Amino acid sequence: MNRPPRGHVYEHGPNTDRWVGWMTPEDVVRQGRETTMREDWSHEIRAVVEHAKAQLRERTTWEGDVREGPYIAGLMPPAPGQEYTVAVALKQDNDGRTFVWSPFELPWLNEYEAQR
């Protein structure tokens, strides 16, 4: 992974309580050490999480508190030649709202919130 792009942010109500398929950064790093991932994977994952949190603070109503997360989910690139990367999500402690950052647009997240 290279430097993360500004990306896309999504904000949802407090109804997200299942994190199937999402992993903590620590679990991702541990799993990476058990596979063929590069040595700098740990640093890159942590940098992406910090970047995502900064984007969420800047562009959403996230107050900086965390009830659950941050969690990471792998994303296949939307076009050939783009690099595999991750999305980052967390649940705010104050009111339970859920926030997601992704380097790629995830339009179904907007549609999901609009249907609520």
C-alpha atoms as a PDB file:
ATOM      1  CA  MET A   1       0.000   0.000   0.000  1.00  0.00           C
ATOM      2  CA  ASN A   2       1.153   3.500  -0.722  1.00  0.00           C
ATOM      3  CA  ARG A   3       0.100   6.690   1.014  1.00  0.00           C
ATOM      4  CA  PRO A   4      -3.688   6.475   1.470  1.00  0.00           C
ATOM      5  CA  PRO A   5      -5.839   8.781  -0.654  1.00  0.00           C
ATOM      6  CA  ARG A   6      -8.253  11.256   0.898  1.00  0.00           C
ATOM      7  CA  GLY A   7     -10.881   8.621   0.245  1.00  0.00           C
ATOM      8  CA  HIS A   8     -14.572   8.485   1.025  1.00  0.00           C
ATOM      9  CA  VAL A   9     -16.258   8.706   4.414  1.00  0.00           C
ATOM     10  CA  TYR A  10     -19.618   7.352   5.493  1.00  0.00           C
ATOM     11  CA  GLU A  11     -21.662   7.959   8.608  1.00  0.00           C
ATOM     12  CA  HIS A  12     -24.450   5.684   9.841  1.00  0.00           C
ATOM     13  CA  GLY A  13     -26.826   5.485  12.750  1.00  0.00           C
ATOM     14  CA  PRO A  14     -26.244   3.320  15.804  1.00  0.00           C
ATOM     15  CA  ASN A  15     -27.638   0.105  14.319  1.00  0.00           C
ATOM     16  CA  THR A  16     -24.320  -1.381  13.186  1.00  0.00           C
ATOM     17  CA  ASP A  17     -23.397  -3.942  15.809  1.00  0.00           C
ATOM     18  CA  ARG A  18     -22.100  -6.887  13.786  1.00  0.00           C
ATOM     19  CA  TRP A  19     -18.568  -6.797  12.475  1.00  0.00           C
ATOM     20  CA  VAL A  20     -18.434 -10.067  10.522  1.00  0.00           C
ATOM     21  CA  GLY A  21     -15.388 -10.024   8.254  1.00  0.00           C
ATOM     22  CA  TRP A  22     -13.799  -7.031   9.973  1.00  0.00           C
ATOM     23  CA  MET A  23     -10.584  -7.415  11.978  1.00  0.00           C
ATOM     24  CA  THR A  24      -8.722  -5.271  14.482  1.00  0.00           C
ATOM     25  CA  PRO A  25      -5.451  -3.749  13.242  1.00  0.00           C
ATOM     26  CA  GLU A  26      -3.612  -6.042  15.660  1.00  0.00           C
ATOM     27  CA  ASP A  27      -5.257  -9.130  14.145  1.00  0.00           C
ATOM     28  CA  VAL A  28      -4.404  -7.946  10.631  1.00  0.00           C
ATOM     29  CA  VAL A  29      -0.761  -7.416  11.576  1.00  0.00           C
ATOM     30  CA  ARG A  30      -0.571 -10.772  13.365  1.00  0.00           C
ATOM     31  CA  GLN A  31      -2.097 -12.559  10.399  1.00  0.00           C
ATOM     32  CA  GLY A  32       0.274 -10.725   8.056  1.00  0.00           C
ATOM     33  CA  ARG A  33       3.274 -12.000   9.972  1.00  0.00           C
ATOM     34  CA  GLU A  34       2.019 -15.560   9.495  1.00  0.00           C
ATOM     35  CA  THR A  35       1.813 -15.140   5.716  1.00  0.00           C
ATOM     36  CA  THR A  36       4.015 -13.683   3.025  1.00  0.00           C
ATOM     37  CA  MET A  37       3.146 -10.033   3.695  1.00  0.00           C
ATOM     38  CA  ARG A  38       6.009  -7.560   3.678  1.00  0.00           C
ATOM     39  CA  GLU A  39       7.805  -6.642   6.885  1.00  0.00           C
ATOM     40  CA  ASP A  40       6.517  -3.041   6.750  1.00  0.00           C
ATOM     41  CA  TRP A  41       2.882  -4.213   6.688  1.00  0.00           C
ATOM     42  CA  SER A  42       2.454  -3.356  10.383  1.00  0.00           C
ATOM     43  CA  HIS A  43       3.582   0.218   9.839  1.00  0.00           C
ATOM     44  CA  GLU A  44       1.387   0.607   6.757  1.00  0.00           C
ATOM     45  CA  ILE A  45      -1.742  -0.722   8.470  1.00  0.00           C
ATOM     46  CA  ARG A  46      -1.278   1.605  11.431  1.00  0.00           C
ATOM     47  CA  ALA A  47      -0.680   4.548   9.076  1.00  0.00           C
ATOM     48  CA  VAL A  48      -3.891   3.806   7.153  1.00  0.00           C
ATOM     49  CA  VAL A  49      -5.894   3.593  10.404  1.00  0.00           C
ATOM     50  CA  GLU A  50      -4.506   6.931  11.614  1.00  0.00           C
ATOM     51  CA  HIS A  51      -5.189   8.513   8.219  1.00  0.00           C
ATOM     52  CA  ALA A  52      -8.765   7.179   8.251  1.00  0.00           C
ATOM     53  CA  LYS A  53      -9.359   8.507  11.765  1.00  0.00           C
ATOM     54  CA  ALA A  54      -8.056  11.933  10.729  1.00  0.00           C
ATOM     55  CA  GLN A  55     -10.394  11.940   7.710  1.00  0.00           C
ATOM     56  CA  LEU A  56     -13.359  10.914   9.885  1.00  0.00           C
ATOM     57  CA  ARG A  57     -12.606  13.701  12.398  1.00  0.00           C
ATOM     58  CA  GLU A  58     -12.319  16.253   9.616  1.00  0.00           C
ATOM     59  CA  ARG A  59     -15.240  15.233   7.426  1.00  0.00           C
ATOM     60  CA  THR A  60     -17.909  13.698   9.677  1.00  0.00           C
ATOM     61  CA  THR A  61     -19.487  14.334  13.066  1.00  0.00           C
ATOM     62  CA  TRP A  62     -17.220  11.762  14.773  1.00  0.00           C
ATOM     63  CA  GLU A  63     -16.244  13.173  18.165  1.00  0.00           C
ATOM     64  CA  GLY A  64     -13.079  11.084  18.520  1.00  0.00           C
ATOM     65  CA  ASP A  65     -14.391   8.546  21.036  1.00  0.00           C
ATOM     66  CA  VAL A  66     -14.585   4.849  20.204  1.00  0.00           C
ATOM     67  CA  ARG A  67     -16.903   2.158  21.575  1.00  0.00           C
ATOM     68  CA  GLU A  68     -15.810  -0.508  19.086  1.00  0.00           C
ATOM     69  CA  GLY A  69     -12.965  -0.597  16.616  1.00  0.00           C
ATOM     70  CA  PRO A  70     -11.246   0.586  14.709  1.00  0.00           C
ATOM     71  CA  TYR A  71     -11.818  -2.388  12.461  1.00  0.00           C
ATOM     72  CA  ILE A  72     -10.296  -3.152   9.079  1.00  0.00           C
ATOM     73  CA  ALA A  73     -11.782  -4.940   6.076  1.00  0.00           C
ATOM     74  CA  GLY A  74      -9.864  -5.862   2.945  1.00  0.00           C
ATOM     75  CA  LEU A  75     -11.016  -4.337  -0.332  1.00  0.00           C
ATOM     76  CA  MET A  76     -10.298  -5.647  -3.773  1.00  0.00           C
ATOM     77  CA  PRO A  77      -9.452  -2.780  -6.128  1.00  0.00           C
ATOM     78  CA  PRO A  78     -12.304  -1.522  -8.305  1.00  0.00           C
ATOM     79  CA  ALA A  79     -10.158  -1.451 -11.439  1.00  0.00           C
ATOM     80  CA  PRO A  80      -7.253  -3.454 -12.875  1.00  0.00           C
ATOM     81  CA  GLY A  81      -3.860  -2.135 -11.881  1.00  0.00           C
ATOM     82  CA  GLN A  82      -5.009  -0.648  -8.604  1.00  0.00           C
ATOM     83  CA  GLU A  83      -3.604  -2.030  -5.397  1.00  0.00           C
ATOM     84  CA  TYR A  84      -5.407  -4.166  -2.808  1.00  0.00           C
ATOM     85  CA  THR A  85      -6.178  -2.019   0.200  1.00  0.00           C
ATOM     86  CA  VAL A  86      -8.410  -1.746   3.262  1.00  0.00           C
ATOM     87  CA  ALA A  87     -11.383   0.160   4.641  1.00  0.00           C
ATOM     88  CA  VAL A  88     -11.520   1.325   8.254  1.00  0.00           C
ATOM     89  CA  ALA A  89     -14.622   1.537  10.457  1.00  0.00           C
ATOM     90  CA  LEU A  90     -15.382   2.397  14.053  1.00  0.00           C
ATOM     91  CA  LYS A  91     -18.346   2.898  16.334  1.00  0.00           C
ATOM     92  CA  GLN A  92     -18.568   6.107  18.355  1.00  0.00           C
ATOM     93  CA  ASP A  93     -19.085   5.616  22.072  1.00  0.00           C
ATOM     94  CA  ASN A  94     -21.189   8.724  22.696  1.00  0.00           C
ATOM     95  CA  ASP A  95     -24.201   7.861  20.542  1.00  0.00           C
ATOM     96  CA  GLY A  96     -23.256   4.590  18.831  1.00  0.00           C
ATOM     97  CA  ARG A  97     -22.971   6.090  15.346  1.00  0.00           C
ATOM     98  CA  THR A  98     -20.782   4.133  12.930  1.00  0.00           C
ATOM     99  CA  PHE A  99     -18.177   5.723  10.664  1.00  0.00           C
ATOM    100  CA  VAL A 100     -16.408   4.177   7.667  1.00  0.00           C
ATOM    101  CA  TRP A 101     -13.446   5.409   5.626  1.00  0.00           C
ATOM    102  CA  SER A 102     -12.577   3.806   2.292  1.00  0.00           C
ATOM    103  CA  PRO A 103     -10.066   4.711  -0.406  1.00  0.00           C
ATOM    104  CA  PHE A 104     -12.712   3.714  -2.973  1.00  0.00           C
ATOM    105  CA  GLU A 105     -16.312   4.814  -3.214  1.00  0.00           C
ATOM    106  CA  LEU A 106     -18.744   2.363  -1.590  1.00  0.00           C
ATOM    107  CA  PRO A 107     -22.066   3.742  -2.907  1.00  0.00           C
ATOM    108  CA  TRP A 108     -24.185   1.059  -1.275  1.00  0.00           C
ATOM    109  CA  LEU A 109     -23.325   2.562   2.111  1.00  0.00           C
ATOM    110  CA  ASN A 110     -25.105   5.780   1.128  1.00  0.00           C
ATOM    111  CA  GLU A 111     -28.038   3.768  -0.195  1.00  0.00           C
ATOM    112  CA  TYR A 112     -28.191   1.731   3.014  1.00  0.00           C
ATOM    113  CA  GLU A 113     -28.374   4.863   5.165  1.00  0.00           C
ATOM    114  CA  ALA A 114     -30.991   6.453   2.875  1.00  0.00           C
ATOM    115  CA  GLN A 115     -33.289   3.434   3.346  1.00  0.00           C
ATOM    116  CA  ARG A 116     -33.227   3.706   7.144  1.00  0.00           C
END
